[in-house]
Amino acid sequence: MKISNRLKTVADLVPKKVIALDVGCDHALLDIYLVKEKKVAKIYASDVNEKPLENAKENIKREKLDKKIELLLGNGLDVYKDDIDTVIISGMGGLTIKGIFRNNMNITKKLKYIIISPNNYQRDIKEFLTKNGFIISAEKLVEDKKIMYQVIRFERGKAKYSKSDYFFGPVLRQNKDDLFKKYYLKEKLSREILLNILPKNYRLKKIKLKKEIKLIDNEIK
């Protein structure tokens, strides 16, 4: 089954034989792929809206996986089941993802793995989860339709990370390949553009942007 580069990268970071919940499953393409590849022992696919679940149901039925993927209608971790040890969230904003875990800390503390691909605010969710009992065990960059994304796997543990680790990713920093440089040169450019258009009274924001530009320059030189 063919899925997007982004979803394929998310799937690659899912440990084998886990019982997973895919929050915001959309068409359930990731869930179908994970079952077909025999990566998960069991998977729940959830969405807050009925329309995506209807589409997911049709796709699951077409693949004859009705008995292997359970669909759940609900918001975030409200649909959590006691046997779930892994949560997957892809394609949401980083602050939204952070809110899902922060507002359900009783559930977050039970999880063994969390695999996410935030659209933004990656640093915020990294800091939040690593300060609440997780380590970053795997990270990948992926380019999909000319847009680059981060995919991150957290698992239970304790570790200390620097500001640079949070900004670039502790695992990504170990392998500064061409995609790493391309990604962060693009991040640098976006900051330079913002720096030039911000009004003069945004002094603190400008200082922060200049620091981040310098940080990028030092990392990829």
N, C-alpha and C. Protein backbone atom coordinates (compact mmCIF):
# COMPACT_ATOMS: atom_id res chain seq x y z
N MET A 1 0.84 -1.20 0.00
CA MET A 1 0.00 0.00 0.00
C MET A 1 0.88 1.26 0.00
N LYS A 2 0.56 2.22 -0.85
CA LYS A 2 1.36 3.43 -0.97
C LYS A 2 0.81 4.52 -0.04
N ILE A 3 1.70 5.09 0.76
CA ILE A 3 1.34 6.22 1.61
C ILE A 3 2.37 7.33 1.40
N SER A 4 2.09 8.52 1.91
CA SER A 4 2.98 9.65 1.72
C SER A 4 4.33 9.42 2.41
N ASN A 5 5.33 10.15 1.97
CA ASN A 5 6.65 10.04 2.59
C ASN A 5 6.59 10.36 4.08
N ARG A 6 5.77 11.35 4.41
CA ARG A 6 5.66 11.75 5.82
C ARG A 6 5.08 10.62 6.66
N LEU A 7 3.97 10.04 6.21
CA LEU A 7 3.34 8.95 6.96
C LEU A 7 4.23 7.72 7.00
N LYS A 8 4.95 7.47 5.91
CA LYS A 8 5.88 6.33 5.89
C LYS A 8 6.97 6.51 6.96
N THR A 9 7.45 7.74 7.11
CA THR A 9 8.47 8.02 8.11
C THR A 9 7.91 7.87 9.52
N VAL A 10 6.67 8.31 9.72
CA VAL A 10 6.01 8.12 11.02
C VAL A 10 5.92 6.62 11.31
N ALA A 11 5.48 5.85 10.33
CA ALA A 11 5.34 4.40 10.50
C ALA A 11 6.68 3.74 10.83
N ASP A 12 7.75 4.22 10.22
CA ASP A 12 9.08 3.66 10.46
C ASP A 12 9.50 3.80 11.92
N LEU A 13 9.00 4.83 12.60
CA LEU A 13 9.40 5.07 13.99
C LEU A 13 8.47 4.40 15.00
N VAL A 14 7.45 3.71 14.53
CA VAL A 14 6.55 2.99 15.44
C VAL A 14 7.19 1.65 15.81
N PRO A 15 7.44 1.41 17.10
CA PRO A 15 8.03 0.12 17.51
C PRO A 15 7.09 -1.04 17.19
N LYS A 16 7.64 -2.21 17.02
CA LYS A 16 6.83 -3.38 16.69
C LYS A 16 6.04 -3.88 17.90
N LYS A 17 4.86 -4.40 17.58
CA LYS A 17 4.00 -5.09 18.54
C LYS A 17 3.38 -4.18 19.61
N VAL A 18 3.36 -2.88 19.36
CA VAL A 18 2.72 -1.98 20.32
C VAL A 18 1.21 -1.98 20.10
N ILE A 19 0.49 -1.47 21.09
CA ILE A 19 -0.95 -1.24 20.96
C ILE A 19 -1.12 0.27 20.88
N ALA A 20 -1.49 0.75 19.70
CA ALA A 20 -1.40 2.17 19.41
C ALA A 20 -2.76 2.84 19.24
N LEU A 21 -2.75 4.14 19.52
CA LEU A 21 -3.89 5.01 19.24
C LEU A 21 -3.40 6.09 18.28
N ASP A 22 -4.02 6.17 17.12
CA ASP A 22 -3.71 7.21 16.14
C ASP A 22 -4.73 8.33 16.30
N VAL A 23 -4.29 9.44 16.89
CA VAL A 23 -5.19 10.57 17.15
C VAL A 23 -5.25 11.46 15.90
N GLY A 24 -6.46 11.71 15.41
CA GLY A 24 -6.61 12.48 14.19
C GLY A 24 -6.25 11.64 12.98
N CYS A 25 -6.88 10.49 12.86
CA CYS A 25 -6.47 9.48 11.87
C CYS A 25 -6.79 9.85 10.43
N ASP A 26 -7.68 10.82 10.24
CA ASP A 26 -8.08 11.25 8.89
C ASP A 26 -8.63 10.06 8.11
N HIS A 27 -7.95 9.63 7.05
CA HIS A 27 -8.45 8.52 6.22
C HIS A 27 -7.96 7.15 6.68
N ALA A 28 -7.23 7.12 7.78
CA ALA A 28 -6.71 5.87 8.37
C ALA A 28 -5.68 5.17 7.49
N LEU A 29 -5.04 5.92 6.60
CA LEU A 29 -4.03 5.31 5.72
C LEU A 29 -2.83 4.81 6.51
N LEU A 30 -2.42 5.57 7.52
CA LEU A 30 -1.30 5.15 8.36
C LEU A 30 -1.65 3.87 9.10
N ASP A 31 -2.85 3.80 9.63
CA ASP A 31 -3.28 2.64 10.41
C ASP A 31 -3.36 1.38 9.55
N ILE A 32 -3.87 1.54 8.35
CA ILE A 32 -3.94 0.41 7.42
C ILE A 32 -2.54 -0.09 7.09
N TYR A 33 -1.63 0.86 6.84
CA TYR A 33 -0.25 0.50 6.52
C TYR A 33 0.41 -0.24 7.68
N LEU A 34 0.21 0.26 8.90
CA LEU A 34 0.83 -0.38 10.07
C LEU A 34 0.33 -1.80 10.28
N VAL A 35 -0.94 -2.02 10.03
CA VAL A 35 -1.50 -3.37 10.18
C VAL A 35 -0.98 -4.29 9.08
N LYS A 36 -0.96 -3.77 7.85
CA LYS A 36 -0.49 -4.59 6.73
C LYS A 36 0.98 -4.97 6.87
N GLU A 37 1.76 -4.06 7.45
CA GLU A 37 3.18 -4.32 7.66
C GLU A 37 3.44 -5.10 8.95
N LYS A 38 2.37 -5.43 9.65
CA LYS A 38 2.44 -6.21 10.89
C LYS A 38 3.33 -5.55 11.95
N LYS A 39 3.24 -4.22 12.04
CA LYS A 39 4.06 -3.48 13.00
C LYS A 39 3.38 -3.37 14.36
N VAL A 40 2.05 -3.37 14.36
CA VAL A 40 1.32 -3.16 15.62
C VAL A 40 0.57 -4.43 16.03
N ALA A 41 0.46 -4.63 17.34
CA ALA A 41 -0.34 -5.75 17.83
C ALA A 41 -1.83 -5.42 17.71
N LYS A 42 -2.12 -4.11 17.83
CA LYS A 42 -3.50 -3.64 17.76
C LYS A 42 -3.46 -2.14 17.55
N ILE A 43 -4.46 -1.59 16.86
CA ILE A 43 -4.48 -0.15 16.67
C ILE A 43 -5.90 0.41 16.70
N TYR A 44 -6.02 1.55 17.35
CA TYR A 44 -7.26 2.32 17.37
C TYR A 44 -7.04 3.55 16.51
N ALA A 45 -8.02 3.89 15.69
CA ALA A 45 -7.94 5.09 14.85
C ALA A 45 -9.05 6.04 15.27
N SER A 46 -8.66 7.24 15.68
CA SER A 46 -9.67 8.17 16.20
C SER A 46 -9.66 9.49 15.45
N ASP A 47 -10.80 10.17 15.50
CA ASP A 47 -10.89 11.52 14.96
C ASP A 47 -12.03 12.24 15.69
N VAL A 48 -11.93 13.57 15.75
CA VAL A 48 -12.93 14.35 16.44
C VAL A 48 -14.16 14.60 15.56
N ASN A 49 -13.99 14.40 14.25
CA ASN A 49 -15.08 14.63 13.30
C ASN A 49 -15.56 13.33 12.66
N GLU A 50 -16.86 13.29 12.37
CA GLU A 50 -17.45 12.07 11.82
C GLU A 50 -17.05 11.83 10.37
N LYS A 51 -16.90 12.90 9.58
CA LYS A 51 -16.61 12.74 8.15
C LYS A 51 -15.31 11.99 7.90
N PRO A 52 -14.19 12.38 8.56
CA PRO A 52 -12.95 11.60 8.35
C PRO A 52 -13.10 10.14 8.75
N LEU A 53 -13.88 9.89 9.82
CA LEU A 53 -14.08 8.50 10.25
C LEU A 53 -14.89 7.71 9.24
N GLU A 54 -15.81 8.38 8.56
CA GLU A 54 -16.57 7.71 7.50
C GLU A 54 -15.64 7.32 6.35
N ASN A 55 -14.75 8.25 6.00
CA ASN A 55 -13.76 7.95 4.95
C ASN A 55 -12.83 6.82 5.39
N ALA A 56 -12.42 6.88 6.66
CA ALA A 56 -11.55 5.84 7.21
C ALA A 56 -12.24 4.48 7.17
N LYS A 57 -13.51 4.48 7.53
CA LYS A 57 -14.28 3.22 7.54
C LYS A 57 -14.33 2.59 6.15
N GLU A 58 -14.51 3.43 5.13
CA GLU A 58 -14.56 2.93 3.76
C GLU A 58 -13.21 2.34 3.34
N ASN A 59 -12.14 3.04 3.68
CA ASN A 59 -10.80 2.55 3.34
C ASN A 59 -10.48 1.25 4.05
N ILE A 60 -10.83 1.16 5.32
CA ILE A 60 -10.57 -0.05 6.11
C ILE A 60 -11.38 -1.22 5.56
N LYS A 61 -12.63 -0.95 5.21
CA LYS A 61 -13.50 -1.99 4.64
C LYS A 61 -12.96 -2.49 3.31
N ARG A 62 -12.46 -1.55 2.50
CA ARG A 62 -11.90 -1.90 1.19
C ARG A 62 -10.69 -2.81 1.33
N GLU A 63 -9.92 -2.61 2.38
CA GLU A 63 -8.72 -3.42 2.62
C GLU A 63 -9.03 -4.68 3.45
N LYS A 64 -10.31 -4.84 3.80
CA LYS A 64 -10.77 -6.00 4.58
C LYS A 64 -10.07 -6.09 5.94
N LEU A 65 -9.97 -4.93 6.60
CA LEU A 65 -9.31 -4.88 7.91
C LEU A 65 -10.27 -4.43 9.00
N ASP A 66 -11.57 -4.65 8.77
CA ASP A 66 -12.61 -4.22 9.72
C ASP A 66 -12.37 -4.74 11.13
N LYS A 67 -11.84 -5.95 11.23
CA LYS A 67 -11.67 -6.56 12.55
C LYS A 67 -10.32 -6.24 13.19
N LYS A 68 -9.47 -5.52 12.46
CA LYS A 68 -8.13 -5.26 12.97
C LYS A 68 -7.88 -3.80 13.32
N ILE A 69 -8.76 -2.91 12.89
CA ILE A 69 -8.64 -1.49 13.21
C ILE A 69 -9.96 -1.02 13.80
N GLU A 70 -9.90 -0.52 15.02
CA GLU A 70 -11.10 -0.05 15.70
C GLU A 70 -11.19 1.47 15.60
N LEU A 71 -12.31 1.95 15.08
CA LEU A 71 -12.52 3.39 14.93
C LEU A 71 -13.18 3.98 16.16
N LEU A 72 -12.70 5.16 16.57
CA LEU A 72 -13.22 5.83 17.76
C LEU A 72 -13.50 7.30 17.44
N LEU A 73 -14.68 7.78 17.81
CA LEU A 73 -15.04 9.18 17.62
C LEU A 73 -14.83 9.92 18.93
N GLY A 74 -13.94 10.93 18.90
CA GLY A 74 -13.70 11.67 20.12
C GLY A 74 -12.53 12.62 19.98
N ASN A 75 -12.34 13.44 20.99
CA ASN A 75 -11.32 14.49 20.97
C ASN A 75 -10.06 14.06 21.71
N GLY A 76 -8.92 14.11 21.02
CA GLY A 76 -7.64 13.84 21.66
C GLY A 76 -7.58 12.50 22.37
N LEU A 77 -7.19 12.56 23.66
CA LEU A 77 -7.05 11.33 24.45
C LEU A 77 -8.33 10.96 25.20
N ASP A 78 -9.43 11.63 24.88
CA ASP A 78 -10.72 11.27 25.50
C ASP A 78 -11.13 9.85 25.15
N VAL A 79 -10.60 9.34 24.04
CA VAL A 79 -10.98 7.99 23.57
C VAL A 79 -10.03 6.91 24.09
N TYR A 80 -9.11 7.27 24.95
CA TYR A 80 -8.08 6.35 25.43
C TYR A 80 -8.68 5.07 26.02
N LYS A 81 -8.05 3.93 25.71
CA LYS A 81 -8.41 2.62 26.27
C LYS A 81 -7.24 2.12 27.11
N ASP A 82 -7.52 1.33 28.12
CA ASP A 82 -6.50 0.91 29.08
C ASP A 82 -5.36 0.08 28.47
N ASP A 83 -5.61 -0.56 27.33
CA ASP A 83 -4.55 -1.40 26.76
C ASP A 83 -3.58 -0.62 25.86
N ILE A 84 -3.85 0.63 25.61
CA ILE A 84 -3.01 1.44 24.72
C ILE A 84 -1.70 1.80 25.41
N ASP A 85 -0.57 1.54 24.73
CA ASP A 85 0.73 1.92 25.29
C ASP A 85 1.46 2.95 24.42
N THR A 86 0.89 3.25 23.25
CA THR A 86 1.55 4.14 22.29
C THR A 86 0.53 5.08 21.67
N VAL A 87 0.90 6.37 21.56
CA VAL A 87 0.04 7.34 20.90
C VAL A 87 0.78 7.95 19.72
N ILE A 88 0.10 8.05 18.59
CA ILE A 88 0.64 8.62 17.36
C ILE A 88 -0.18 9.84 16.98
N ILE A 89 0.50 10.97 16.74
CA ILE A 89 -0.21 12.17 16.28
C ILE A 89 0.62 12.81 15.17
N SER A 90 0.01 12.98 14.01
CA SER A 90 0.72 13.58 12.88
C SER A 90 -0.16 14.64 12.22
N GLY A 91 0.46 15.75 11.84
CA GLY A 91 -0.26 16.74 11.06
C GLY A 91 -1.00 17.79 11.85
N MET A 92 -0.76 17.86 13.15
CA MET A 92 -1.36 18.90 13.98
C MET A 92 -0.29 19.91 14.40
N GLY A 93 -0.73 21.07 14.85
CA GLY A 93 0.19 22.06 15.37
C GLY A 93 0.83 21.58 16.67
N GLY A 94 2.07 21.99 16.90
CA GLY A 94 2.79 21.55 18.09
C GLY A 94 2.10 21.95 19.39
N LEU A 95 1.52 23.13 19.44
CA LEU A 95 0.85 23.58 20.66
C LEU A 95 -0.43 22.79 20.91
N THR A 96 -1.10 22.41 19.83
CA THR A 96 -2.29 21.57 19.96
C THR A 96 -1.91 20.20 20.53
N ILE A 97 -0.83 19.63 19.99
CA ILE A 97 -0.34 18.33 20.47
C ILE A 97 0.06 18.44 21.94
N LYS A 98 0.79 19.49 22.26
CA LYS A 98 1.20 19.70 23.65
C LYS A 98 -0.02 19.77 24.57
N GLY A 99 -1.05 20.48 24.12
CA GLY A 99 -2.27 20.59 24.92
C GLY A 99 -2.96 19.26 25.13
N ILE A 100 -2.94 18.40 24.13
CA ILE A 100 -3.57 17.08 24.25
C ILE A 100 -2.92 16.28 25.38
N PHE A 101 -1.59 16.32 25.45
CA PHE A 101 -0.89 15.57 26.50
C PHE A 101 -0.95 16.29 27.85
N ARG A 102 -0.82 17.60 27.84
CA ARG A 102 -0.84 18.37 29.09
C ARG A 102 -2.19 18.27 29.78
N ASN A 103 -3.26 18.26 29.00
CA ASN A 103 -4.61 18.20 29.57
C ASN A 103 -5.02 16.80 29.99
N ASN A 104 -4.17 15.82 29.72
CA ASN A 104 -4.46 14.42 30.08
C ASN A 104 -3.22 13.77 30.68
N MET A 105 -2.63 14.42 31.68
CA MET A 105 -1.37 13.93 32.24
C MET A 105 -1.52 12.55 32.88
N ASN A 106 -2.70 12.24 33.39
CA ASN A 106 -2.93 10.92 33.98
C ASN A 106 -2.77 9.82 32.94
N ILE A 107 -3.11 10.12 31.70
CA ILE A 107 -2.94 9.16 30.61
C ILE A 107 -1.52 9.23 30.05
N THR A 108 -1.02 10.44 29.87
CA THR A 108 0.33 10.62 29.32
C THR A 108 1.36 9.83 30.13
N LYS A 109 1.21 9.82 31.45
CA LYS A 109 2.16 9.12 32.32
C LYS A 109 2.10 7.60 32.17
N LYS A 110 1.03 7.09 31.57
CA LYS A 110 0.90 5.65 31.38
C LYS A 110 1.55 5.17 30.09
N LEU A 111 1.80 6.09 29.17
CA LEU A 111 2.26 5.71 27.84
C LEU A 111 3.72 5.27 27.83
N LYS A 112 4.02 4.35 26.95
CA LYS A 112 5.40 3.88 26.78
C LYS A 112 6.08 4.62 25.63
N TYR A 113 5.34 4.85 24.56
CA TYR A 113 5.88 5.54 23.39
C TYR A 113 4.92 6.63 22.92
N ILE A 114 5.49 7.71 22.39
CA ILE A 114 4.73 8.75 21.72
C ILE A 114 5.46 9.07 20.42
N ILE A 115 4.76 8.98 19.29
CA ILE A 115 5.36 9.32 18.00
C ILE A 115 4.57 10.46 17.40
N ILE A 116 5.24 11.57 17.11
CA ILE A 116 4.54 12.75 16.61
C ILE A 116 5.26 13.36 15.41
N SER A 117 4.49 14.07 14.59
CA SER A 117 5.05 14.88 13.51
C SER A 117 4.31 16.20 13.51
N PRO A 118 4.74 17.15 14.36
CA PRO A 118 4.04 18.43 14.47
C PRO A 118 4.28 19.32 13.26
N ASN A 119 3.31 20.15 12.94
CA ASN A 119 3.47 21.10 11.84
C ASN A 119 4.34 22.29 12.23
N ASN A 120 4.44 22.55 13.53
CA ASN A 120 5.20 23.70 14.03
C ASN A 120 5.44 23.53 15.54
N TYR A 121 6.10 24.49 16.15
CA TYR A 121 6.36 24.49 17.59
C TYR A 121 6.93 23.15 18.09
N GLN A 122 7.83 22.58 17.29
CA GLN A 122 8.43 21.30 17.66
C GLN A 122 9.20 21.40 18.97
N ARG A 123 9.89 22.52 19.16
CA ARG A 123 10.70 22.68 20.36
C ARG A 123 9.83 22.67 21.62
N ASP A 124 8.64 23.28 21.54
CA ASP A 124 7.76 23.33 22.72
C ASP A 124 7.33 21.94 23.17
N ILE A 125 6.94 21.11 22.21
CA ILE A 125 6.48 19.77 22.59
C ILE A 125 7.64 18.90 23.05
N LYS A 126 8.84 19.12 22.47
CA LYS A 126 10.02 18.37 22.92
C LYS A 126 10.33 18.71 24.39
N GLU A 127 10.33 19.98 24.69
CA GLU A 127 10.63 20.40 26.06
C GLU A 127 9.59 19.88 27.03
N PHE A 128 8.33 19.96 26.65
CA PHE A 128 7.26 19.52 27.55
C PHE A 128 7.35 18.02 27.86
N LEU A 129 7.48 17.21 26.83
CA LEU A 129 7.48 15.76 27.06
C LEU A 129 8.75 15.27 27.76
N THR A 130 9.89 15.87 27.41
CA THR A 130 11.13 15.41 28.05
C THR A 130 11.23 15.88 29.50
N LYS A 131 10.46 16.88 29.86
CA LYS A 131 10.41 17.32 31.25
C LYS A 131 9.31 16.62 32.03
N ASN A 132 8.62 15.70 31.34
CA ASN A 132 7.56 14.92 31.98
C ASN A 132 7.73 13.42 31.76
N GLY A 133 8.99 12.98 31.86
CA GLY A 133 9.25 11.54 31.92
C GLY A 133 9.59 10.83 30.64
N PHE A 134 9.92 11.57 29.57
CA PHE A 134 10.26 10.93 28.30
C PHE A 134 11.64 11.35 27.81
N ILE A 135 12.24 10.51 26.99
CA ILE A 135 13.45 10.86 26.26
C ILE A 135 13.13 10.85 24.76
N ILE A 136 13.96 11.53 23.99
CA ILE A 136 13.82 11.49 22.53
C ILE A 136 14.69 10.35 22.02
N SER A 137 14.07 9.28 21.59
CA SER A 137 14.82 8.08 21.20
C SER A 137 15.07 7.98 19.70
N ALA A 138 14.29 8.72 18.92
CA ALA A 138 14.49 8.70 17.47
C ALA A 138 13.92 9.98 16.86
N GLU A 139 14.59 10.46 15.83
CA GLU A 139 14.13 11.64 15.09
C GLU A 139 14.50 11.48 13.63
N LYS A 140 13.62 11.95 12.77
CA LYS A 140 13.92 11.95 11.33
C LYS A 140 13.34 13.20 10.69
N LEU A 141 14.03 13.67 9.66
CA LEU A 141 13.50 14.71 8.80
C LEU A 141 13.01 14.05 7.52
N VAL A 142 11.90 14.54 6.99
CA VAL A 142 11.38 13.97 5.76
C VAL A 142 10.84 15.10 4.88
N GLU A 143 11.07 14.97 3.59
CA GLU A 143 10.53 15.95 2.63
C GLU A 143 9.36 15.31 1.89
N ASP A 144 8.23 16.00 1.91
CA ASP A 144 7.01 15.48 1.31
C ASP A 144 6.33 16.62 0.55
N LYS A 145 6.25 16.49 -0.77
CA LYS A 145 5.65 17.53 -1.61
C LYS A 145 6.31 18.90 -1.37
N LYS A 146 7.63 18.87 -1.33
CA LYS A 146 8.47 20.07 -1.19
C LYS A 146 8.36 20.76 0.17
N ILE A 147 7.73 20.10 1.12
CA ILE A 147 7.66 20.61 2.50
C ILE A 147 8.41 19.63 3.40
N MET A 148 9.20 20.17 4.32
CA MET A 148 9.98 19.32 5.21
C MET A 148 9.35 19.25 6.60
N TYR A 149 9.37 18.06 7.17
CA TYR A 149 8.75 17.82 8.46
C TYR A 149 9.72 17.11 9.40
N GLN A 150 9.50 17.30 10.68
CA GLN A 150 10.19 16.53 11.71
C GLN A 150 9.27 15.41 12.18
N VAL A 151 9.85 14.24 12.40
CA VAL A 151 9.12 13.12 13.02
C VAL A 151 9.93 12.71 14.24
N ILE A 152 9.28 12.61 15.39
CA ILE A 152 9.98 12.40 16.65
C ILE A 152 9.34 11.25 17.43
N ARG A 153 10.18 10.37 17.96
CA ARG A 153 9.68 9.32 18.86
C ARG A 153 10.20 9.56 20.28
N PHE A 154 9.27 9.57 21.21
CA PHE A 154 9.59 9.67 22.62
C PHE A 154 9.33 8.32 23.28
N GLU A 155 10.14 7.99 24.27
CA GLU A 155 9.85 6.83 25.09
C GLU A 155 10.23 7.11 26.53
N ARG A 156 9.74 6.27 27.42
CA ARG A 156 9.95 6.49 28.84
C ARG A 156 11.43 6.55 29.18
N GLY A 157 11.81 7.53 30.00
CA GLY A 157 13.20 7.65 30.41
C GLY A 157 13.52 9.05 30.87
N LYS A 158 14.76 9.24 31.30
CA LYS A 158 15.21 10.55 31.76
C LYS A 158 16.51 10.92 31.04
N ALA A 159 16.58 12.17 30.63
CA ALA A 159 17.79 12.67 29.96
C ALA A 159 17.82 14.19 30.09
N LYS A 160 19.03 14.74 30.04
CA LYS A 160 19.19 16.19 30.06
C LYS A 160 19.53 16.67 28.65
N TYR A 161 18.82 17.70 28.22
CA TYR A 161 19.05 18.23 26.89
C TYR A 161 19.42 19.71 26.96
N SER A 162 20.28 20.13 26.06
CA SER A 162 20.69 21.53 25.97
C SER A 162 19.69 22.31 25.13
N LYS A 163 19.85 23.63 25.11
CA LYS A 163 19.00 24.46 24.27
C LYS A 163 19.16 24.10 22.80
N SER A 164 20.39 23.78 22.42
CA SER A 164 20.64 23.37 21.03
C SER A 164 19.98 22.03 20.71
N ASP A 165 19.95 21.13 21.70
CA ASP A 165 19.27 19.85 21.51
C ASP A 165 17.79 20.06 21.23
N TYR A 166 17.18 20.94 22.00
CA TYR A 166 15.76 21.22 21.81
C TYR A 166 15.51 21.90 20.46
N PHE A 167 16.40 22.79 20.09
CA PHE A 167 16.21 23.55 18.86
C PHE A 167 16.40 22.67 17.62
N PHE A 168 17.47 21.90 17.59
CA PHE A 168 17.80 21.10 16.41
C PHE A 168 17.34 19.64 16.52
N GLY A 169 17.24 19.13 17.74
CA GLY A 169 16.95 17.72 17.95
C GLY A 169 18.21 16.96 18.31
N PRO A 170 18.26 16.32 19.48
CA PRO A 170 19.48 15.65 19.93
C PRO A 170 19.93 14.51 19.02
N VAL A 171 18.98 13.82 18.41
CA VAL A 171 19.33 12.72 17.50
C VAL A 171 19.71 13.27 16.12
N LEU A 172 18.97 14.25 15.65
CA LEU A 172 19.26 14.85 14.35
C LEU A 172 20.65 15.47 14.32
N ARG A 173 21.09 16.01 15.45
CA ARG A 173 22.40 16.66 15.52
C ARG A 173 23.55 15.66 15.32
N GLN A 174 23.28 14.38 15.56
CA GLN A 174 24.31 13.37 15.41
C GLN A 174 24.60 13.03 13.95
N ASN A 175 23.65 13.37 13.08
CA ASN A 175 23.81 13.04 11.66
C ASN A 175 23.38 14.24 10.83
N LYS A 176 24.28 15.18 10.67
CA LYS A 176 23.96 16.41 9.94
C LYS A 176 24.09 16.19 8.44
N ASP A 177 23.09 15.50 7.90
CA ASP A 177 23.11 15.20 6.47
C ASP A 177 22.62 16.40 5.65
N ASP A 178 22.49 16.21 4.35
CA ASP A 178 22.07 17.31 3.47
C ASP A 178 20.68 17.81 3.80
N LEU A 179 19.78 16.90 4.20
CA LEU A 179 18.42 17.30 4.53
C LEU A 179 18.40 18.15 5.80
N PHE A 180 19.26 17.80 6.75
CA PHE A 180 19.40 18.60 7.98
C PHE A 180 19.80 20.03 7.63
N LYS A 181 20.81 20.16 6.80
CA LYS A 181 21.30 21.49 6.42
C LYS A 181 20.24 22.25 5.62
N LYS A 182 19.56 21.55 4.74
CA LYS A 182 18.51 22.19 3.94
C LYS A 182 17.37 22.69 4.82
N TYR A 183 16.98 21.87 5.78
CA TYR A 183 15.88 22.21 6.69
C TYR A 183 16.22 23.46 7.50
N TYR A 184 17.42 23.46 8.09
CA TYR A 184 17.74 24.57 8.99
C TYR A 184 18.21 25.83 8.25
N LEU A 185 18.67 25.70 7.02
CA LEU A 185 18.93 26.89 6.21
C LEU A 185 17.60 27.57 5.86
N LYS A 186 16.59 26.74 5.65
CA LYS A 186 15.25 27.28 5.40
C LYS A 186 14.71 27.97 6.66
N GLU A 187 14.96 27.37 7.82
CA GLU A 187 14.55 27.98 9.09
C GLU A 187 15.27 29.31 9.29
N LYS A 188 16.53 29.34 8.92
CA LYS A 188 17.31 30.58 9.03
C LYS A 188 16.74 31.66 8.13
N LEU A 189 16.43 31.30 6.90
CA LEU A 189 15.89 32.26 5.94
C LEU A 189 14.57 32.86 6.42
N SER A 190 13.70 32.00 6.98
CA SER A 190 12.41 32.50 7.48
C SER A 190 12.60 33.50 8.62
N ARG A 191 13.62 33.28 9.44
CA ARG A 191 13.91 34.22 10.53
C ARG A 191 14.50 35.52 10.01
N GLU A 192 15.33 35.42 8.99
CA GLU A 192 15.92 36.63 8.40
C GLU A 192 14.85 37.51 7.75
N ILE A 193 13.91 36.86 7.09
CA ILE A 193 12.80 37.61 6.47
C ILE A 193 11.97 38.31 7.53
N LEU A 194 11.64 37.56 8.60
CA LEU A 194 10.85 38.13 9.69
C LEU A 194 11.59 39.27 10.37
N LEU A 195 12.88 39.10 10.53
CA LEU A 195 13.70 40.13 11.18
C LEU A 195 13.65 41.45 10.40
N ASN A 196 13.61 41.35 9.09
CA ASN A 196 13.61 42.54 8.24
C ASN A 196 12.27 43.25 8.17
N ILE A 197 11.19 42.53 8.44
CA ILE A 197 9.87 43.17 8.31
C ILE A 197 9.25 43.56 9.65
N LEU A 198 9.83 43.10 10.76
CA LEU A 198 9.29 43.45 12.07
C LEU A 198 9.51 44.94 12.37
N PRO A 199 8.50 45.61 12.94
CA PRO A 199 8.67 47.01 13.35
C PRO A 199 9.76 47.15 14.42
N LYS A 200 10.32 48.34 14.54
CA LYS A 200 11.42 48.58 15.46
C LYS A 200 11.06 48.31 16.92
N ASN A 201 9.79 48.48 17.27
CA ASN A 201 9.40 48.30 18.67
C ASN A 201 9.34 46.82 19.11
N TYR A 202 9.57 45.89 18.17
CA TYR A 202 9.63 44.47 18.51
C TYR A 202 11.08 44.11 18.87
N ARG A 203 11.63 44.83 19.78
CA ARG A 203 13.06 44.70 20.10
C ARG A 203 13.43 43.33 20.64
N LEU A 204 12.64 42.83 21.60
CA LEU A 204 12.95 41.52 22.20
C LEU A 204 12.82 40.39 21.18
N LYS A 205 11.81 40.49 20.34
CA LYS A 205 11.62 39.48 19.29
C LYS A 205 12.79 39.49 18.33
N LYS A 206 13.27 40.67 17.99
CA LYS A 206 14.41 40.80 17.08
C LYS A 206 15.67 40.19 17.70
N ILE A 207 15.86 40.42 19.00
CA ILE A 207 17.02 39.85 19.70
C ILE A 207 16.97 38.33 19.66
N LYS A 208 15.78 37.79 19.90
CA LYS A 208 15.60 36.33 19.88
C LYS A 208 15.89 35.77 18.49
N LEU A 209 15.39 36.43 17.46
CA LEU A 209 15.62 35.97 16.09
C LEU A 209 17.11 35.98 15.74
N LYS A 210 17.81 37.04 16.14
CA LYS A 210 19.24 37.13 15.87
C LYS A 210 20.02 36.02 16.56
N LYS A 211 19.60 35.68 17.79
CA LYS A 211 20.25 34.59 18.52
C LYS A 211 20.04 33.26 17.81
N GLU A 212 18.82 33.04 17.31
CA GLU A 212 18.51 31.78 16.63
C GLU A 212 19.25 31.68 15.30
N ILE A 213 19.38 32.79 14.60
CA ILE A 213 20.15 32.80 13.34
C ILE A 213 21.60 32.44 13.61
N LYS A 214 22.15 33.01 14.66
CA LYS A 214 23.54 32.71 15.03
C LYS A 214 23.69 31.25 15.45
N LEU A 215 22.69 30.73 16.16
CA LEU A 215 22.69 29.33 16.59
C LEU A 215 22.74 28.40 15.38
N ILE A 216 21.94 28.73 14.37
CA ILE A 216 21.90 27.92 13.15
C ILE A 216 23.24 27.98 12.42
N ASP A 217 23.78 29.19 12.31
CA ASP A 217 25.07 29.36 11.65
C ASP A 217 26.17 28.52 12.31
N ASN A 218 26.18 28.51 13.62
CA ASN A 218 27.19 27.75 14.37
C ASN A 218 27.00 26.25 14.22
N GLU A 219 25.76 25.82 14.05
CA GLU A 219 25.47 24.38 13.99
C GLU A 219 25.79 23.78 12.62
N ILE A 220 25.56 24.54 11.58
CA ILE A 220 25.68 23.96 10.23
C ILE A 220 26.93 24.43 9.48
N LYS A 221 27.81 25.15 10.17
CA LYS A 221 29.00 25.64 9.49
C LYS A 221 29.95 24.49 9.13
